Structure formats: structure tokens, C-alpha cells
Amino acid sequence: MPNLGPTELIIIAVVLILLFGAKKLPDAARSLGRSMRIFKSEVREMQNDGQPQPQPPAIEQQGYQHPQPIQEPERNPNQQQH
């Protein structure tokens, strides 16, 4: 691929603005970015096809303890509530 200098990049930018208009360029760039993101994820999925997916260990095996319910402190009926 030939090296593009600043002059060539400016000419390409001007041609794009003339062809598509300044209002549509941000939308076109956004959709191109979304398409590239989807393409990358699909390529990654194709590379992972056929390979077993690692299963996360169960919570019980990690020594997880279920939280205990919070008990409210006992109140003396003679005390005033704030």
C-alpha cells in the first residue's frame, strides 16, 4: 500500500465531504464502527468454534457463604424513638 501524505489525505477528505455531505459523514463513521465491532466479534466466535468453553466454577465450590439476614437491635419500649 502506498504511503499517503497529508496532501493526499486532505484531498480524500474533501472528496468524501463533497460526495456525502458534512451531515451524513458522522452517521457513516458511526455505522462503519458498529460494523467493524460486529465483524471482530464474529471473527472471534469463528476462532472459538470447536473449542470447549471453560465453565465458571459453581459458587458453592468457591466457599461462598450466603449472607445472614440483618437483625434489628432490640429496643426498650421506654426509650423514645427519634
C-alpha atoms as a PDB file:
ATOM      1  CA  MET A   1       0.000   0.000   0.000  1.00  0.00           C
ATOM      2  CA  PRO A   2       1.476   3.351  -0.959  1.00  0.00           C
ATOM      3  CA  ASN A   3       2.255   5.839   1.765  1.00  0.00           C
ATOM      4  CA  LEU A   4      -0.342   8.604   1.918  1.00  0.00           C
ATOM      5  CA  GLY A   5       0.942  12.019   2.842  1.00  0.00           C
ATOM      6  CA  PRO A   6      -1.035  14.865   4.383  1.00  0.00           C
ATOM      7  CA  THR A   7      -1.852  16.344   0.969  1.00  0.00           C
ATOM      8  CA  GLU A   8      -3.423  13.111  -0.270  1.00  0.00           C
ATOM      9  CA  LEU A   9      -5.402  12.685   2.958  1.00  0.00           C
ATOM     10  CA  ILE A  10      -6.771  16.232   2.655  1.00  0.00           C
ATOM     11  CA  ILE A  11      -7.816  15.569  -0.944  1.00  0.00           C
ATOM     12  CA  ILE A  12      -9.563  12.334   0.086  1.00  0.00           C
ATOM     13  CA  ALA A  13     -11.359  14.151   2.943  1.00  0.00           C
ATOM     14  CA  VAL A  14     -12.549  16.912   0.583  1.00  0.00           C
ATOM     15  CA  VAL A  15     -13.821  14.366  -1.939  1.00  0.00           C
ATOM     16  CA  LEU A  16     -15.692  12.493   0.805  1.00  0.00           C
ATOM     17  CA  ILE A  17     -17.291  15.701   2.059  1.00  0.00           C
ATOM     18  CA  LEU A  18     -18.349  16.627  -1.472  1.00  0.00           C
ATOM     19  CA  LEU A  19     -19.758  13.171  -2.179  1.00  0.00           C
ATOM     20  CA  PHE A  20     -21.597  12.503   1.058  1.00  0.00           C
ATOM     21  CA  GLY A  21     -22.092  15.911   2.600  1.00  0.00           C
ATOM     22  CA  ALA A  22     -20.937  17.029   6.019  1.00  0.00           C
ATOM     23  CA  LYS A  23     -24.206  15.989   7.694  1.00  0.00           C
ATOM     24  CA  LYS A  24     -24.023  12.328   6.709  1.00  0.00           C
ATOM     25  CA  LEU A  25     -20.353  11.696   7.457  1.00  0.00           C
ATOM     26  CA  PRO A  26     -20.730  11.240  11.260  1.00  0.00           C
ATOM     27  CA  ASP A  27     -23.555   8.756  10.730  1.00  0.00           C
ATOM     28  CA  ALA A  28     -21.498   6.877   8.148  1.00  0.00           C
ATOM     29  CA  ALA A  29     -18.495   6.738  10.503  1.00  0.00           C
ATOM     30  CA  ARG A  30     -20.692   5.517  13.359  1.00  0.00           C
ATOM     31  CA  SER A  31     -22.220   2.744  11.263  1.00  0.00           C
ATOM     32  CA  LEU A  32     -18.772   1.756  10.000  1.00  0.00           C
ATOM     33  CA  GLY A  33     -17.555   1.487  13.602  1.00  0.00           C
ATOM     34  CA  ARG A  34     -20.532  -0.695  14.548  1.00  0.00           C
ATOM     35  CA  SER A  35     -19.945  -2.915  11.542  1.00  0.00           C
ATOM     36  CA  MET A  36     -16.278  -3.341  12.447  1.00  0.00           C
ATOM     37  CA  ARG A  37     -17.200  -4.232  16.033  1.00  0.00           C
ATOM     38  CA  ILE A  38     -19.681  -6.872  14.815  1.00  0.00           C
ATOM     39  CA  PHE A  39     -17.120  -8.215  12.340  1.00  0.00           C
ATOM     40  CA  LYS A  40     -14.474  -8.544  15.081  1.00  0.00           C
ATOM     41  CA  SER A  41     -16.852 -10.387  17.393  1.00  0.00           C
ATOM     42  CA  GLU A  42     -17.873 -12.776  14.610  1.00  0.00           C
ATOM     43  CA  VAL A  43     -14.236 -13.492  13.741  1.00  0.00           C
ATOM     44  CA  ARG A  44     -13.527 -14.151  17.417  1.00  0.00           C
ATOM     45  CA  GLU A  45     -16.514 -16.530  17.581  1.00  0.00           C
ATOM     46  CA  MET A  46     -15.313 -18.379  14.474  1.00  0.00           C
ATOM     47  CA  GLN A  47     -11.893 -18.840  16.068  1.00  0.00           C
ATOM     48  CA  ASN A  48     -13.502 -20.201  19.238  1.00  0.00           C
ATOM     49  CA  ASP A  49     -15.785 -22.641  17.379  1.00  0.00           C
ATOM     50  CA  GLY A  50     -14.970 -26.216  18.225  1.00  0.00           C
ATOM     51  CA  GLN A  51     -13.030 -25.275  21.331  1.00  0.00           C
ATOM     52  CA  PRO A  52     -14.662 -26.177  24.623  1.00  0.00           C
ATOM     53  CA  GLN A  53     -15.775 -23.167  26.597  1.00  0.00           C
ATOM     54  CA  PRO A  54     -14.386 -23.030  30.142  1.00  0.00           C
ATOM     55  CA  GLN A  55     -17.159 -23.385  32.678  1.00  0.00           C
ATOM     56  CA  PRO A  56     -17.065 -20.985  35.605  1.00  0.00           C
ATOM     57  CA  PRO A  57     -16.831 -22.799  38.930  1.00  0.00           C
ATOM     58  CA  ALA A  58     -20.005 -23.015  40.922  1.00  0.00           C
ATOM     59  CA  ILE A  59     -20.439 -20.502  43.692  1.00  0.00           C
ATOM     60  CA  GLU A  60     -20.741 -23.255  46.286  1.00  0.00           C
ATOM     61  CA  GLN A  61     -17.315 -24.628  45.328  1.00  0.00           C
ATOM     62  CA  GLN A  62     -15.641 -21.276  45.960  1.00  0.00           C
ATOM     63  CA  GLY A  63     -16.547 -21.308  49.623  1.00  0.00           C
ATOM     64  CA  TYR A  64     -19.259 -18.690  49.202  1.00  0.00           C
ATOM     65  CA  GLN A  65     -21.326 -18.136  52.298  1.00  0.00           C
ATOM     66  CA  HIS A  66     -24.834 -16.844  51.928  1.00  0.00           C
ATOM     67  CA  PRO A  67     -25.342 -13.541  53.716  1.00  0.00           C
ATOM     68  CA  GLN A  68     -27.170 -13.697  57.006  1.00  0.00           C
ATOM     69  CA  PRO A  69     -30.246 -11.526  57.404  1.00  0.00           C
ATOM     70  CA  ILE A  70     -29.635  -8.346  59.355  1.00  0.00           C
ATOM     71  CA  GLN A  71     -31.314  -8.401  62.730  1.00  0.00           C
ATOM     72  CA  GLU A  72     -32.560  -5.141  64.137  1.00  0.00           C
ATOM     73  CA  PRO A  73     -31.361  -4.321  67.625  1.00  0.00           C
ATOM     74  CA  GLU A  74     -33.827  -4.834  70.405  1.00  0.00           C
ATOM     75  CA  ARG A  75     -35.462  -1.628  71.536  1.00  0.00           C
ATOM     76  CA  ASN A  76     -36.571  -0.791  75.002  1.00  0.00           C
ATOM     77  CA  PRO A  77     -40.230   0.238  74.867  1.00  0.00           C
ATOM     78  CA  ASN A  78     -39.460   3.028  77.362  1.00  0.00           C
ATOM     79  CA  GLN A  79     -36.956   4.698  75.018  1.00  0.00           C
ATOM     80  CA  GLN A  80     -38.147   7.476  72.757  1.00  0.00           C
ATOM     81  CA  GLN A  81     -37.837   6.945  69.045  1.00  0.00           C
ATOM     82  CA  HIS A  82     -36.045   9.642  67.052  1.00  0.00           C
END
